[in-house]
Amino acid sequence: MRRPCLCLLISFLLATPPANAADAPGVVFLVPGVGGIDFITPLNAQITLPRAGVPHEIRVFEWTYGTGRLLRDLQDTRRLMAKADELAEAVRQVKANDPSRPVYLVGHSGGGGLVLAAAERLPPSTLERIVLLSAAVSPGYDLRPALRATRREIVSFNSAADAFFLGWGTTTFGTPDRVYGPAAGRYGFQIPDDLDEDGRQLYQRLVQLPWRWDMIFDFRGGLHNSTIAPHFLARHVAPWLKP
């Protein structure tokens, strides 16, 4: 059974190459997780997303301290905020060069915290969408500022099976927004009870997509890194990154 799947994956990755970045209509900023060991994320995305029909330029935003320094990345809030400033400035530069060029932010794990912080620094409706893959931020994270910066949805993929990294890990060492407990990428974001009308309208654009058993066929077993598997990116993430 493994050999046909492997052949299918290889044929998919060797399909028609993506368009030249200069011709791409938009930009997708991809933000990996903590520890400098999430190299598979940019590799998967830069190969898989264009071949799944995403027409945009894929840019990887590197922000970690380096390989293996997970706790420092996770707990150094000052550095994370400085990197959020850098990402927001990179987005502003894209829009300054071409205001009509759509920009998407995709964050995996701890990179989700950086993506949200960057969005909070941007004017309203600057971004097209934000996609969060196994986000390591707290379930009570206030998404309203990021939603205001986004024309369309914030899409968050979560899994109750992500017990080690987003259960034990964030309970023991905290989330990037310094909350100790299960992260939003495990059970989802909590919608506040005391929202005003503006807040309710904003949260209507939060799309939460929990893991399902049929996702196993896309090589997503519900664990932490399964949201960055090639088949999962192609089938479930790529549609949110198209015009």
Protein backbone atom coordinates (compact mmCIF):
# COMPACT_ATOMS: atom_id res chain seq x y z
CA MET A 1 0.00 0.00 0.00
CA ARG A 2 2.85 2.40 0.68
CA ARG A 3 4.44 2.21 -2.76
CA PRO A 4 1.43 3.57 -4.73
CA CYS A 5 1.06 6.41 -2.20
CA LEU A 6 4.74 7.25 -2.53
CA CYS A 7 4.52 7.20 -6.32
CA LEU A 8 1.47 9.47 -6.19
CA LEU A 9 3.30 11.91 -3.95
CA ILE A 10 6.39 11.97 -6.17
CA SER A 11 4.35 12.49 -9.33
CA PHE A 12 2.47 15.32 -7.62
CA LEU A 13 5.65 17.09 -6.53
CA LEU A 14 7.22 16.73 -9.98
CA ALA A 15 4.19 18.13 -11.78
CA THR A 16 4.11 21.42 -13.65
CA PRO A 17 6.41 23.90 -11.88
CA PRO A 18 4.96 27.06 -10.30
CA ALA A 19 4.80 30.37 -12.12
CA ASN A 20 7.64 32.84 -11.80
CA ALA A 21 7.36 34.89 -8.60
CA ALA A 22 7.46 38.12 -10.58
CA ASP A 23 4.28 37.05 -12.35
CA ALA A 24 2.48 35.90 -9.20
CA PRO A 25 -0.63 37.92 -8.39
CA GLY A 26 -0.15 37.85 -4.62
CA VAL A 27 2.19 36.92 -1.78
CA VAL A 28 1.85 34.19 0.86
CA PHE A 29 4.07 34.75 3.88
CA LEU A 30 4.77 31.42 5.56
CA VAL A 31 5.87 31.51 9.21
CA PRO A 32 7.28 28.23 10.63
CA GLY A 33 7.08 27.13 14.25
CA VAL A 34 9.59 27.45 17.09
CA GLY A 35 13.02 25.92 17.41
CA GLY A 36 14.35 26.24 13.88
CA ILE A 37 13.42 22.60 13.27
CA ASP A 38 10.28 23.30 11.27
CA PHE A 39 12.25 23.32 8.01
CA ILE A 40 9.83 20.85 6.48
CA THR A 41 7.11 23.53 6.55
CA PRO A 42 8.71 25.92 4.04
CA LEU A 43 9.96 23.01 1.95
CA ASN A 44 6.50 21.44 1.76
CA ALA A 45 4.71 24.69 1.13
CA GLN A 46 7.05 26.07 -1.52
CA ILE A 47 6.73 22.85 -3.50
CA THR A 48 3.20 21.75 -2.71
CA LEU A 49 1.11 24.92 -2.71
CA PRO A 50 1.99 26.12 -6.25
CA ARG A 51 1.38 22.63 -7.60
CA ALA A 52 -2.00 22.61 -5.86
CA GLY A 53 -3.02 25.67 -7.84
CA VAL A 54 -1.97 28.49 -5.49
CA PRO A 55 -0.85 31.20 -7.94
CA HIS A 56 0.93 33.44 -5.45
CA GLU A 57 4.57 33.95 -4.55
CA ILE A 58 5.52 31.94 -1.44
CA ARG A 59 7.87 33.73 0.95
CA VAL A 60 9.23 32.06 4.08
CA PHE A 61 9.63 34.42 7.05
CA GLU A 62 12.49 33.15 9.22
CA TRP A 63 12.28 34.36 12.81
CA THR A 64 13.64 31.79 15.28
CA TYR A 65 16.84 31.86 17.35
CA GLY A 66 18.04 28.74 15.57
CA THR A 67 17.93 24.98 15.61
CA GLY A 68 16.79 23.42 18.86
CA ARG A 69 16.15 26.65 20.77
CA LEU A 70 12.45 25.97 21.21
CA LEU A 71 11.95 27.44 24.67
CA ARG A 72 13.75 30.66 23.89
CA ASP A 73 11.58 31.19 20.81
CA LEU A 74 8.46 30.30 22.76
CA GLN A 75 9.14 32.46 25.82
CA ASP A 76 10.99 35.52 24.51
CA THR A 77 7.96 37.73 23.97
CA ARG A 78 10.04 40.82 23.25
CA ARG A 79 11.81 39.15 20.35
CA LEU A 80 8.58 37.71 18.98
CA MET A 81 7.01 41.19 19.00
CA ALA A 82 10.07 42.61 17.22
CA LYS A 83 9.77 39.93 14.56
CA ALA A 84 6.05 40.70 14.27
CA ASP A 85 7.06 44.29 13.52
CA GLU A 86 9.36 43.01 10.77
CA LEU A 87 6.67 40.84 9.22
CA ALA A 88 4.13 43.66 9.33
CA GLU A 89 6.65 45.93 7.61
CA ALA A 90 7.25 43.32 4.91
CA VAL A 91 3.49 43.21 4.28
CA ARG A 92 3.30 47.01 4.17
CA GLN A 93 6.11 47.05 1.62
CA VAL A 94 4.23 44.63 -0.65
CA LYS A 95 1.12 46.80 -0.45
CA ALA A 96 3.11 50.00 -0.99
CA ASN A 97 4.57 48.60 -4.20
CA ASP A 98 1.17 47.39 -5.42
CA PRO A 99 -1.92 48.13 -3.28
CA SER A 100 -4.00 45.66 -5.29
CA ARG A 101 -1.66 42.73 -4.60
CA PRO A 102 -3.30 40.29 -2.14
CA VAL A 103 -1.30 39.13 0.88
CA TYR A 104 -1.93 35.99 2.94
CA LEU A 105 -0.31 34.97 6.23
CA VAL A 106 0.16 31.30 7.15
CA GLY A 107 1.55 30.37 10.56
CA HIS A 108 2.37 26.92 11.94
CA SER A 109 2.47 26.24 15.68
CA GLY A 110 4.32 29.10 17.44
CA GLY A 111 4.46 30.89 14.11
CA GLY A 112 0.73 31.37 14.48
CA GLY A 113 1.36 33.72 17.40
CA LEU A 114 3.76 35.77 15.32
CA VAL A 115 1.29 35.92 12.42
CA LEU A 116 -1.50 37.22 14.66
CA ALA A 117 0.76 39.78 16.28
CA ALA A 118 1.89 41.03 12.87
CA ALA A 119 -1.71 41.34 11.68
CA GLU A 120 -2.54 43.47 14.71
CA ARG A 121 0.02 46.03 13.49
CA LEU A 122 -1.63 46.47 10.09
CA PRO A 123 -4.41 48.80 8.93
CA PRO A 124 -7.91 47.39 8.46
CA SER A 125 -8.46 45.08 5.48
CA THR A 126 -4.75 44.89 4.58
CA LEU A 127 -4.67 41.09 4.40
CA GLU A 128 -6.77 38.68 2.41
CA ARG A 129 -6.75 35.73 4.83
CA ILE A 130 -4.83 34.32 7.77
CA VAL A 131 -4.39 30.55 7.99
CA LEU A 132 -3.33 29.02 11.31
CA LEU A 133 -1.96 25.48 11.33
CA SER A 134 -1.92 23.90 14.81
CA ALA A 135 -1.68 27.33 16.41
CA ALA A 136 0.23 27.38 19.72
CA VAL A 137 -1.54 30.49 21.07
CA SER A 138 -4.05 30.38 23.91
CA PRO A 139 -7.72 29.56 23.20
CA GLY A 140 -8.75 32.91 24.68
CA TYR A 141 -6.52 34.94 22.37
CA ASP A 142 -8.39 38.08 21.26
CA LEU A 143 -8.68 37.74 17.49
CA ARG A 144 -10.53 40.99 16.88
CA PRO A 145 -7.48 43.11 15.97
CA ALA A 146 -6.24 40.46 13.51
CA LEU A 147 -9.74 40.03 12.06
CA ARG A 148 -9.95 43.78 11.44
CA ALA A 149 -6.73 43.60 9.44
CA THR A 150 -8.16 40.78 7.31
CA ARG A 151 -10.64 41.21 4.46
CA ARG A 152 -11.84 37.63 4.62
CA GLU A 153 -11.44 34.84 7.15
CA ILE A 154 -9.06 33.66 9.79
CA VAL A 155 -8.95 29.91 9.20
CA SER A 156 -7.68 27.75 12.05
CA PHE A 157 -6.95 24.01 11.82
CA ASN A 158 -6.97 22.25 15.19
CA SER A 159 -6.87 18.71 16.55
CA ALA A 160 -7.77 17.28 19.93
CA ALA A 161 -5.17 14.57 19.23
CA ASP A 162 -2.36 17.16 19.36
CA ALA A 163 -1.80 16.31 23.01
CA PHE A 164 1.98 16.42 23.32
CA PHE A 165 2.93 19.79 21.81
CA LEU A 166 -0.32 21.72 22.28
CA GLY A 167 -1.40 19.93 25.46
CA TRP A 168 1.53 19.02 27.67
CA GLY A 169 3.98 21.36 25.94
CA THR A 170 2.00 24.60 26.17
CA THR A 171 0.69 23.70 29.63
CA THR A 172 4.24 23.17 30.90
CA PHE A 173 6.13 25.91 29.03
CA GLY A 174 3.39 28.32 28.01
CA THR A 175 2.15 29.73 24.72
CA PRO A 176 3.76 32.65 22.85
CA ASP A 177 1.13 34.92 24.47
CA ARG A 178 2.30 33.57 27.84
CA VAL A 179 -0.69 31.50 28.89
CA TYR A 180 -0.15 28.07 30.45
CA GLY A 181 -2.65 25.49 29.24
CA PRO A 182 -3.85 23.66 26.13
CA ALA A 183 -3.46 25.78 23.01
CA ALA A 184 -6.07 26.86 20.48
CA GLY A 185 -4.56 24.46 17.96
CA ARG A 186 -5.83 21.60 20.10
CA TYR A 187 -9.42 22.43 21.00
CA GLY A 188 -10.02 25.63 19.05
CA PHE A 189 -10.43 29.30 19.91
CA GLN A 190 -12.99 30.40 22.49
CA ILE A 191 -15.39 33.07 21.27
CA PRO A 192 -15.88 35.69 24.04
CA ASP A 193 -19.33 35.90 25.62
CA ASP A 194 -19.31 39.68 26.05
CA LEU A 195 -18.81 40.76 22.43
CA ASP A 196 -20.48 43.92 21.18
CA GLU A 197 -22.06 44.02 17.73
CA ASP A 198 -18.74 44.88 16.06
CA GLY A 199 -17.03 41.99 17.82
CA ARG A 200 -19.78 39.55 16.82
CA GLN A 201 -19.47 40.63 13.20
CA LEU A 202 -15.70 40.14 13.32
CA TYR A 203 -15.87 36.67 14.88
CA GLN A 204 -18.28 35.54 12.17
CA ARG A 205 -15.18 35.47 9.96
CA LEU A 206 -13.38 32.94 12.18
CA VAL A 207 -13.44 29.50 10.53
CA GLN A 208 -12.39 26.63 12.81
CA LEU A 209 -11.68 23.29 11.17
CA PRO A 210 -11.08 20.41 13.61
CA TRP A 211 -9.37 17.19 12.68
CA ARG A 212 -11.62 14.45 11.29
CA TRP A 213 -10.97 10.77 10.78
CA ASP A 214 -11.22 11.05 7.00
CA MET A 215 -8.18 13.37 7.03
CA ILE A 216 -6.04 10.28 7.65
CA PHE A 217 -6.27 9.69 3.90
CA ASP A 218 -4.50 13.05 3.42
CA PHE A 219 -1.69 11.82 5.70
CA ARG A 220 -2.96 13.92 8.58
CA GLY A 221 -3.15 11.73 11.63
CA GLY A 222 -4.18 14.55 13.93
CA LEU A 223 -0.72 15.10 15.41
CA HIS A 224 1.17 18.38 15.52
CA ASN A 225 3.05 18.31 12.23
CA SER A 226 0.33 16.63 10.22
CA THR A 227 -1.12 20.02 9.23
CA ILE A 228 2.03 20.61 7.16
CA ALA A 229 2.01 17.25 5.35
CA PRO A 230 2.04 17.73 1.54
CA HIS A 231 -1.31 16.06 0.82
CA PHE A 232 -2.97 18.00 3.63
CA LEU A 233 -1.56 21.31 2.41
CA ALA A 234 -2.72 20.55 -1.12
CA ARG A 235 -6.23 19.43 -0.27
CA HIS A 236 -7.20 21.47 2.80
CA VAL A 237 -4.95 24.54 2.96
CA ALA A 238 -4.42 25.49 -0.70
CA PRO A 239 -8.12 26.29 -1.35
CA TRP A 240 -7.94 29.07 1.27
CA LEU A 241 -4.96 30.65 -0.53
CA LYS A 242 -6.63 31.11 -3.89
CA PRO A 243 -8.38 34.25 -5.16
